[in-house]
N, C-alpha and C. Protein backbone atom coordinates (compact mmCIF):
# COMPACT_ATOMS: atom_id res chain seq x y z
N UNK A 1 56.88 7.12 -33.66
CA UNK A 1 55.90 7.40 -32.13
C UNK A 1 56.83 8.80 -31.77
N UNK A 2 57.87 9.24 -32.24
CA UNK A 2 58.57 10.64 -32.13
C UNK A 2 57.61 11.98 -32.28
N UNK A 3 56.98 11.64 -33.55
CA UNK A 3 55.86 12.95 -34.04
C UNK A 3 54.63 12.85 -33.05
N UNK A 4 54.38 11.34 -32.47
CA UNK A 4 53.27 11.81 -31.58
C UNK A 4 53.14 12.06 -30.13
N UNK A 5 54.62 11.73 -29.90
CA UNK A 5 55.11 12.19 -28.51
C UNK A 5 54.96 13.81 -28.58
N UNK A 6 55.47 14.63 -29.42
CA UNK A 6 55.57 15.76 -29.66
C UNK A 6 54.23 16.43 -29.74
N UNK A 7 53.30 15.65 -30.25
CA UNK A 7 51.82 16.40 -30.34
C UNK A 7 51.36 16.48 -29.13
N UNK A 8 51.40 15.27 -28.38
CA UNK A 8 51.03 15.18 -27.13
C UNK A 8 51.46 16.11 -26.29
N UNK A 9 52.74 16.04 -26.19
CA UNK A 9 53.67 17.14 -25.42
C UNK A 9 52.87 18.84 -25.67
N UNK A 10 52.96 18.89 -26.98
CA UNK A 10 52.16 20.28 -27.24
C UNK A 10 50.98 20.42 -26.86
N UNK A 11 49.77 19.31 -26.93
CA UNK A 11 48.83 19.64 -26.72
C UNK A 11 48.83 19.42 -24.97
N UNK A 12 49.57 19.11 -24.35
CA UNK A 12 49.64 19.19 -22.53
C UNK A 12 50.17 20.50 -22.44
N UNK A 13 50.48 21.09 -23.07
CA UNK A 13 51.52 22.41 -22.56
C UNK A 13 50.80 23.65 -23.20
N UNK A 14 49.74 23.63 -23.89
CA UNK A 14 48.86 24.60 -24.53
C UNK A 14 48.11 25.36 -23.36
N UNK A 15 48.28 26.59 -23.23
CA UNK A 15 47.52 27.28 -22.19
C UNK A 15 45.77 27.34 -23.18
N UNK A 16 45.04 26.52 -22.87
CA UNK A 16 43.63 26.72 -23.33
C UNK A 16 42.93 27.97 -23.08
N UNK A 17 43.17 28.48 -21.95
CA UNK A 17 42.28 29.43 -21.37
C UNK A 17 42.76 30.53 -22.26
N UNK A 18 43.66 31.04 -22.36
CA UNK A 18 44.53 31.86 -23.42
C UNK A 18 43.87 31.87 -25.01
N UNK A 19 43.61 30.44 -25.46
CA UNK A 19 43.06 30.54 -26.89
C UNK A 19 41.71 30.77 -26.45
N UNK A 20 41.06 30.38 -25.86
CA UNK A 20 39.51 30.71 -25.49
C UNK A 20 39.22 32.13 -25.45
N UNK A 21 40.43 32.73 -24.56
CA UNK A 21 40.15 34.24 -24.53
C UNK A 21 40.27 34.86 -25.80
N UNK A 22 41.51 34.40 -26.73
CA UNK A 22 41.49 34.97 -28.08
C UNK A 22 40.41 35.01 -28.78
N UNK A 23 39.83 33.65 -28.67
CA UNK A 23 38.72 33.35 -29.64
C UNK A 23 37.52 34.52 -29.61
N UNK A 24 37.34 34.61 -28.11
CA UNK A 24 36.25 35.35 -27.56
C UNK A 24 36.20 36.79 -28.21
N UNK A 25 37.92 37.00 -27.54
CA UNK A 25 37.81 38.41 -28.27
C UNK A 25 37.54 38.63 -29.89
N UNK A 26 38.16 37.78 -30.58
CA UNK A 26 37.93 37.76 -31.82
C UNK A 26 36.57 37.39 -32.59
N UNK A 27 35.56 37.13 -31.89
CA UNK A 27 34.42 36.73 -32.02
C UNK A 27 33.83 38.23 -31.86
N UNK A 28 34.00 38.74 -30.55
CA UNK A 28 33.46 40.16 -30.28
C UNK A 28 33.80 41.14 -31.30
N UNK A 29 35.29 41.28 -31.92
CA UNK A 29 35.43 42.45 -32.40
C UNK A 29 35.17 42.34 -34.13
N UNK A 30 34.77 40.84 -34.29
CA UNK A 30 34.56 40.34 -35.85
C UNK A 30 32.90 41.28 -35.62
N UNK A 31 32.37 40.72 -34.73
CA UNK A 31 30.84 41.17 -34.61
C UNK A 31 30.78 42.43 -34.58
N UNK A 32 31.45 43.65 -33.87
CA UNK A 32 31.37 44.74 -33.89
C UNK A 32 31.72 45.47 -35.49
N UNK A 33 32.96 44.95 -35.85
CA UNK A 33 33.04 45.02 -37.49
C UNK A 33 31.96 44.94 -38.42
N UNK A 34 31.20 43.53 -38.19
CA UNK A 34 29.99 43.63 -39.26
C UNK A 34 29.11 44.53 -38.75
N UNK A 35 28.99 44.50 -37.55
CA UNK A 35 27.87 45.74 -37.26
C UNK A 35 28.18 47.27 -37.97
N UNK A 36 29.36 47.59 -38.01
CA UNK A 36 29.75 48.72 -38.54
C UNK A 36 29.65 48.69 -39.84
N UNK A 37 29.95 47.88 -40.67
CA UNK A 37 30.34 47.45 -41.86
C UNK A 37 28.37 47.29 -42.70
N UNK A 38 27.51 46.72 -41.77
CA UNK A 38 26.23 46.84 -42.07
C UNK A 38 25.76 48.46 -42.03
N UNK A 39 26.02 49.23 -40.92
CA UNK A 39 25.76 50.51 -40.66
C UNK A 39 26.11 51.56 -41.93
N UNK A 40 27.43 51.16 -42.44
CA UNK A 40 27.91 51.81 -43.34
C UNK A 40 27.37 51.72 -44.88
N UNK A 41 26.87 50.39 -44.78
CA UNK A 41 26.22 49.93 -46.02
C UNK A 41 25.06 50.35 -46.12
N UNK A 42 23.98 50.48 -45.14
CA UNK A 42 22.72 51.33 -45.01
C UNK A 42 22.50 53.03 -45.36
N UNK A 43 23.73 53.07 -44.57
CA UNK A 43 23.85 54.50 -44.53
C UNK A 43 24.17 54.81 -45.98
N UNK A 44 24.87 54.19 -46.92
CA UNK A 44 25.29 54.27 -48.31
C UNK A 44 23.98 53.97 -49.19
N UNK A 45 23.21 53.29 -48.87
CA UNK A 45 21.92 52.87 -49.81
C UNK A 45 21.18 54.39 -49.39
N UNK A 46 20.95 54.49 -48.11
CA UNK A 46 20.04 55.61 -47.60
C UNK A 46 20.51 56.92 -48.85
N UNK A 47 21.83 57.12 -48.43
CA UNK A 47 22.11 58.36 -49.19
C UNK A 47 21.85 58.20 -50.84
N UNK A 48 22.03 57.07 -51.33
CA UNK A 48 21.79 56.83 -52.78
C UNK A 48 20.58 57.15 -53.02
N UNK A 49 19.68 56.90 -52.39
CA UNK A 49 18.16 57.00 -52.48
C UNK A 49 17.95 58.22 -52.42
N UNK A 50 18.52 59.16 -51.12
CA UNK A 50 17.99 60.43 -51.28
C UNK A 50 18.67 61.28 -52.47
N UNK A 51 20.08 60.85 -52.79
CA UNK A 51 20.47 61.65 -54.17
C UNK A 51 19.40 61.59 -55.21
N UNK A 52 19.31 60.10 -55.45
CA UNK A 52 18.16 59.81 -56.74
C UNK A 52 16.92 60.65 -56.53
N UNK A 53 16.27 60.28 -55.33
CA UNK A 53 15.09 61.13 -55.23
C UNK A 53 15.09 62.61 -55.90
N UNK A 54 16.14 63.19 -55.53
CA UNK A 54 16.25 64.50 -56.03
C UNK A 54 16.29 64.60 -57.61
N UNK A 55 16.85 63.48 -58.06
CA UNK A 55 16.83 63.69 -59.38
C UNK A 55 15.89 63.31 -60.24
N UNK A 56 15.28 61.78 -60.03
CA UNK A 56 14.20 61.46 -60.49
C UNK A 56 12.94 61.10 -59.82
N UNK A 57 13.07 61.27 -58.52
CA UNK A 57 11.84 61.16 -57.87
C UNK A 57 11.88 59.67 -56.90
N UNK A 58 11.44 59.52 -55.75
CA UNK A 58 11.48 58.50 -54.82
C UNK A 58 11.00 57.15 -55.62
N UNK A 59 10.02 57.15 -56.39
CA UNK A 59 9.79 55.87 -56.68
C UNK A 59 10.99 55.00 -57.72
N UNK A 60 11.14 56.05 -58.49
CA UNK A 60 12.51 55.83 -59.54
C UNK A 60 13.52 55.49 -58.78
N UNK A 61 13.79 56.04 -57.45
CA UNK A 61 15.36 56.14 -56.82
C UNK A 61 15.18 54.32 -56.35
N UNK A 62 13.88 54.44 -55.65
CA UNK A 62 14.09 53.02 -55.05
C UNK A 62 13.96 51.80 -56.18
N UNK A 63 13.34 52.20 -57.11
CA UNK A 63 13.74 51.04 -58.59
C UNK A 63 15.04 51.10 -58.61
N UNK A 64 15.85 51.76 -59.02
CA UNK A 64 16.88 51.80 -59.44
C UNK A 64 17.87 51.13 -58.45
N UNK A 65 17.64 51.21 -57.07
CA UNK A 65 18.47 50.68 -56.13
C UNK A 65 18.21 49.23 -55.78
N UNK A 66 16.82 48.80 -56.18
CA UNK A 66 16.60 47.38 -56.30
C UNK A 66 17.07 46.56 -57.00
N UNK A 67 17.03 47.44 -58.82
CA UNK A 67 17.24 46.74 -59.82
C UNK A 67 19.02 46.71 -59.80
N UNK A 68 19.62 47.64 -59.12
CA UNK A 68 20.90 47.33 -59.13
C UNK A 68 21.41 46.45 -57.87
N UNK A 69 20.56 45.97 -56.74
CA UNK A 69 20.70 45.31 -55.73
C UNK A 69 20.61 43.56 -56.17
N UNK A 70 19.70 43.97 -57.44
CA UNK A 70 19.33 42.52 -57.98
C UNK A 70 20.43 41.97 -58.96
N UNK A 71 20.75 43.09 -59.90
CA UNK A 71 22.14 42.97 -60.78
C UNK A 71 23.21 42.26 -60.01
N UNK A 72 23.52 42.67 -59.02
CA UNK A 72 24.84 42.18 -57.99
C UNK A 72 24.25 40.73 -57.78
N UNK A 73 23.49 40.64 -57.27
CA UNK A 73 22.66 39.64 -56.68
C UNK A 73 23.06 38.23 -57.57
N UNK A 74 22.80 38.82 -58.81
CA UNK A 74 22.41 37.64 -60.16
C UNK A 74 24.32 37.48 -60.39
N UNK A 75 24.64 38.31 -60.40
CA UNK A 75 26.28 38.23 -60.59
C UNK A 75 27.27 37.41 -59.67
N UNK A 76 26.52 37.73 -58.59
CA UNK A 76 27.47 36.75 -57.22
C UNK A 76 26.74 34.89 -57.62
N UNK A 77 25.90 35.41 -58.09
CA UNK A 77 25.06 33.87 -58.19
C UNK A 77 25.75 32.97 -59.03
N UNK A 78 26.06 34.09 -60.27
CA UNK A 78 26.44 33.18 -61.54
C UNK A 78 28.06 32.84 -60.93
N UNK A 79 28.77 33.57 -60.45
CA UNK A 79 30.13 33.43 -60.04
C UNK A 79 30.40 32.06 -59.40
N UNK A 80 29.01 32.07 -58.30
CA UNK A 80 29.42 30.87 -57.39
C UNK A 80 28.80 29.39 -58.19
N UNK A 81 28.17 29.46 -59.01
CA UNK A 81 27.68 28.61 -59.84
C UNK A 81 29.00 28.14 -60.94
N UNK A 82 29.67 28.87 -61.24
CA UNK A 82 30.63 28.53 -62.13
C UNK A 82 31.89 28.24 -61.17
N UNK A 83 32.03 28.63 -60.10
CA UNK A 83 33.15 28.29 -59.14
C UNK A 83 32.74 27.02 -58.72
N UNK A 84 31.65 26.64 -58.50
CA UNK A 84 31.06 25.23 -58.05
C UNK A 84 31.41 24.19 -59.08
N UNK A 85 30.69 24.09 -60.38
CA UNK A 85 31.08 23.79 -61.42
C UNK A 85 32.56 23.45 -61.33
N UNK A 86 33.16 24.21 -61.64
CA UNK A 86 34.69 24.11 -61.79
C UNK A 86 35.41 23.04 -60.69
N UNK A 87 34.93 23.46 -59.45
CA UNK A 87 35.24 22.73 -58.48
C UNK A 87 34.91 21.03 -58.60
N UNK A 88 33.95 20.69 -58.79
CA UNK A 88 33.08 19.54 -59.40
C UNK A 88 33.91 19.05 -60.65
N UNK A 89 34.28 19.60 -61.73
CA UNK A 89 35.00 19.07 -62.79
C UNK A 89 36.37 18.70 -61.97
N UNK A 90 37.09 19.55 -61.30
CA UNK A 90 38.60 19.05 -60.98
C UNK A 90 38.28 18.04 -59.84
N UNK A 91 37.51 17.68 -58.86
CA UNK A 91 37.26 16.69 -58.34
C UNK A 91 36.94 15.48 -58.96
N UNK A 92 36.22 15.70 -60.33
CA UNK A 92 36.09 14.23 -61.34
C UNK A 92 37.20 13.88 -61.70
N UNK A 93 37.98 14.85 -62.06
CA UNK A 93 39.39 14.31 -62.89
C UNK A 93 40.12 13.91 -61.92
N UNK A 94 40.12 14.45 -60.70
CA UNK A 94 41.10 13.58 -59.46
C UNK A 94 40.74 12.42 -59.25
N UNK A 95 39.12 12.00 -59.12
CA UNK A 95 38.50 10.57 -59.13
C UNK A 95 38.98 9.69 -60.10
N UNK A 96 38.98 10.20 -61.28
CA UNK A 96 39.14 9.46 -62.68
C UNK A 96 41.05 9.22 -62.46
N UNK A 97 41.83 10.13 -62.21
CA UNK A 97 43.06 9.99 -62.11
C UNK A 97 43.54 8.80 -61.15
N UNK A 98 42.73 8.88 -59.99
CA UNK A 98 42.98 7.85 -58.91
C UNK A 98 42.84 6.60 -59.33
N UNK A 99 41.49 6.86 -59.86
CA UNK A 99 40.93 5.19 -60.46
C UNK A 99 42.05 4.25 -61.38
N UNK A 100 42.47 5.07 -62.37
CA UNK A 100 43.35 5.15 -63.50
C UNK A 100 44.52 4.39 -62.75
N UNK A 101 45.22 5.31 -61.76
CA UNK A 101 46.48 5.04 -61.13
C UNK A 101 46.04 3.63 -60.47
N UNK A 102 45.15 3.03 -59.89
CA UNK A 102 44.93 1.97 -58.95
C UNK A 102 44.97 0.83 -59.80
N UNK A 103 44.15 1.45 -61.18
CA UNK A 103 44.23 0.32 -61.89
C UNK A 103 45.46 -0.20 -62.75
N UNK A 104 46.35 0.87 -62.62
CA UNK A 104 47.63 0.80 -63.14
C UNK A 104 48.58 -0.31 -62.13
N UNK A 105 48.60 0.24 -60.82
CA UNK A 105 49.20 -0.38 -59.94
C UNK A 105 49.00 -1.71 -59.49
N UNK A 106 47.49 -2.25 -59.96
CA UNK A 106 47.02 -3.83 -59.79
C UNK A 106 47.34 -4.29 -60.83
N UNK A 107 47.37 -3.95 -61.98
CA UNK A 107 48.09 -4.53 -63.38
C UNK A 107 49.72 -4.57 -63.14
N UNK A 108 50.21 -3.49 -62.72
CA UNK A 108 51.80 -3.87 -62.45
C UNK A 108 52.02 -5.16 -61.42
N UNK A 109 51.25 -5.30 -60.47
CA UNK A 109 51.73 -5.85 -59.28
C UNK A 109 51.22 -7.29 -59.89
N UNK A 110 50.38 -7.80 -60.68
CA UNK A 110 50.07 -8.97 -61.25
C UNK A 110 50.74 -9.38 -62.18
N UNK A 111 51.38 -8.63 -62.93
CA UNK A 111 52.50 -8.68 -64.18
C UNK A 111 53.58 -9.72 -63.71
N UNK A 112 53.94 -9.80 -63.05
CA UNK A 112 55.36 -10.81 -62.48
C UNK A 112 54.73 -11.93 -62.47
N UNK A 113 53.52 -12.59 -61.85
CA UNK A 113 52.82 -13.34 -61.53
C UNK A 113 52.54 -14.19 -63.09
N UNK A 114 51.85 -13.24 -63.56
CA UNK A 114 51.60 -13.45 -65.25
C UNK A 114 52.66 -14.13 -66.25
N UNK A 115 53.95 -13.43 -65.83
CA UNK A 115 55.43 -13.55 -66.64
C UNK A 115 55.60 -14.84 -66.25
N UNK A 116 55.54 -15.52 -64.87
CA UNK A 116 56.11 -16.40 -64.58
C UNK A 116 55.43 -17.86 -65.10
N UNK A 117 53.92 -17.33 -65.37
CA UNK A 117 53.51 -18.86 -65.87
C UNK A 117 53.73 -18.79 -67.36
N UNK A 118 53.41 -18.19 -68.27
CA UNK A 118 53.34 -18.48 -69.51
C UNK A 118 53.83 -16.90 -70.14
N UNK A 119 54.93 -17.24 -70.83
CA UNK A 119 55.25 -15.72 -71.53
C UNK A 119 54.69 -15.31 -72.48
N UNK A 120 54.16 -15.89 -73.09
CA UNK A 120 53.50 -15.08 -74.90
C UNK A 120 52.03 -15.10 -74.52
N UNK A 121 51.33 -15.85 -73.75
CA UNK A 121 49.90 -15.32 -73.50
C UNK A 121 49.84 -14.01 -72.64
N UNK A 122 50.76 -14.03 -71.66
CA UNK A 122 51.03 -12.97 -70.72
C UNK A 122 51.18 -11.55 -71.42
N UNK A 123 51.97 -12.07 -72.46
CA UNK A 123 52.41 -10.72 -73.04
C UNK A 123 51.58 -9.99 -73.72
N UNK A 124 50.18 -10.66 -73.96
CA UNK A 124 49.10 -10.54 -74.75
C UNK A 124 48.17 -9.71 -73.62
N UNK A 125 48.25 -10.52 -72.79
CA UNK A 125 47.04 -9.92 -71.86
C UNK A 125 47.74 -8.61 -71.52
N UNK A 126 49.28 -8.36 -71.07
CA UNK A 126 49.95 -7.06 -70.68
C UNK A 126 49.52 -6.02 -71.75
N UNK A 127 49.63 -6.38 -72.84
CA UNK A 127 49.28 -5.36 -73.94
C UNK A 127 47.74 -4.91 -73.89
N UNK A 128 46.93 -6.05 -73.92
CA UNK A 128 45.56 -5.67 -73.67
C UNK A 128 45.25 -4.96 -72.65
N UNK A 129 45.93 -4.75 -71.28
CA UNK A 129 45.60 -3.96 -70.26
C UNK A 129 46.12 -2.79 -70.25
N UNK A 130 47.49 -2.52 -70.95
CA UNK A 130 47.66 -1.23 -71.22
C UNK A 130 47.01 -0.52 -72.25
N UNK A 131 46.54 -1.35 -73.28
CA UNK A 131 45.48 -0.38 -74.17
C UNK A 131 44.32 -0.17 -73.69
N UNK A 132 43.84 -1.14 -72.62
CA UNK A 132 42.23 -0.65 -71.78
C UNK A 132 42.86 0.57 -70.92
N UNK A 133 44.08 0.63 -70.14
CA UNK A 133 44.56 1.83 -69.34
C UNK A 133 44.19 3.00 -70.09
N UNK A 134 45.10 2.99 -71.33
CA UNK A 134 45.27 3.92 -72.33
C UNK A 134 43.81 4.56 -72.94
N UNK A 135 42.98 3.76 -73.07
CA UNK A 135 41.58 4.10 -73.43
C UNK A 135 40.78 4.85 -72.27
N UNK A 136 41.26 4.27 -70.67
CA UNK A 136 40.68 4.89 -69.91
C UNK A 136 40.98 6.50 -69.52
N UNK A 137 42.09 6.48 -69.91
CA UNK A 137 42.83 7.94 -69.23
C UNK A 137 42.78 8.91 -70.38
N UNK A 138 42.28 8.38 -71.50
CA UNK A 138 42.03 9.65 -72.48
C UNK A 138 40.59 10.34 -72.13
N UNK A 139 40.76 11.58 -72.45
CA UNK A 139 39.24 12.13 -71.94
C UNK A 139 38.84 12.31 -73.45
N UNK A 140 37.41 12.31 -73.23
CA UNK A 140 36.61 12.30 -74.85
C UNK A 140 36.56 13.35 -75.63
N UNK A 141 36.53 13.98 -76.62
CA UNK A 141 36.94 15.20 -77.12
C UNK A 141 35.28 15.58 -77.37
N UNK A 142 35.00 16.94 -76.79
CA UNK A 142 33.64 17.25 -76.70
C UNK A 142 33.23 18.24 -77.94
N UNK A 143 32.47 18.21 -78.47
CA UNK A 143 32.38 19.50 -79.81
C UNK A 143 31.32 20.30 -79.13
N UNK A 144 31.76 21.96 -79.16
CA UNK A 144 31.07 22.51 -78.18
C UNK A 144 30.69 23.88 -79.56
């Protein structure tokens, strides 16, 4: 309860007007920075187009810029796909670990009940359960 009362007290004493003004200021400044970055990008691409048009002609200059942008976009797309795949793999492993952990917990909680009833069959059941958990936690080897 002490933690909850501290949170309630902090929520009641916070100046939300100040928080709103700060968020509004950050939004406006972020928009201005974004506009300036976009202007710098367009200026840079224009300067590159002018320079390349003096060297190789306007059509080739625009083609080089377009191909460069396409190559950069494909590299970014590949990086995003690899990152998403890695994140899915990490999530799959976490889910698998949680499932095997839950199975172990269920087995360990049922073990005293089994041992009280009949010791010898219970030992066989426990060994079989441990073997099954071991098989579930092992990762299959993939040949690549």
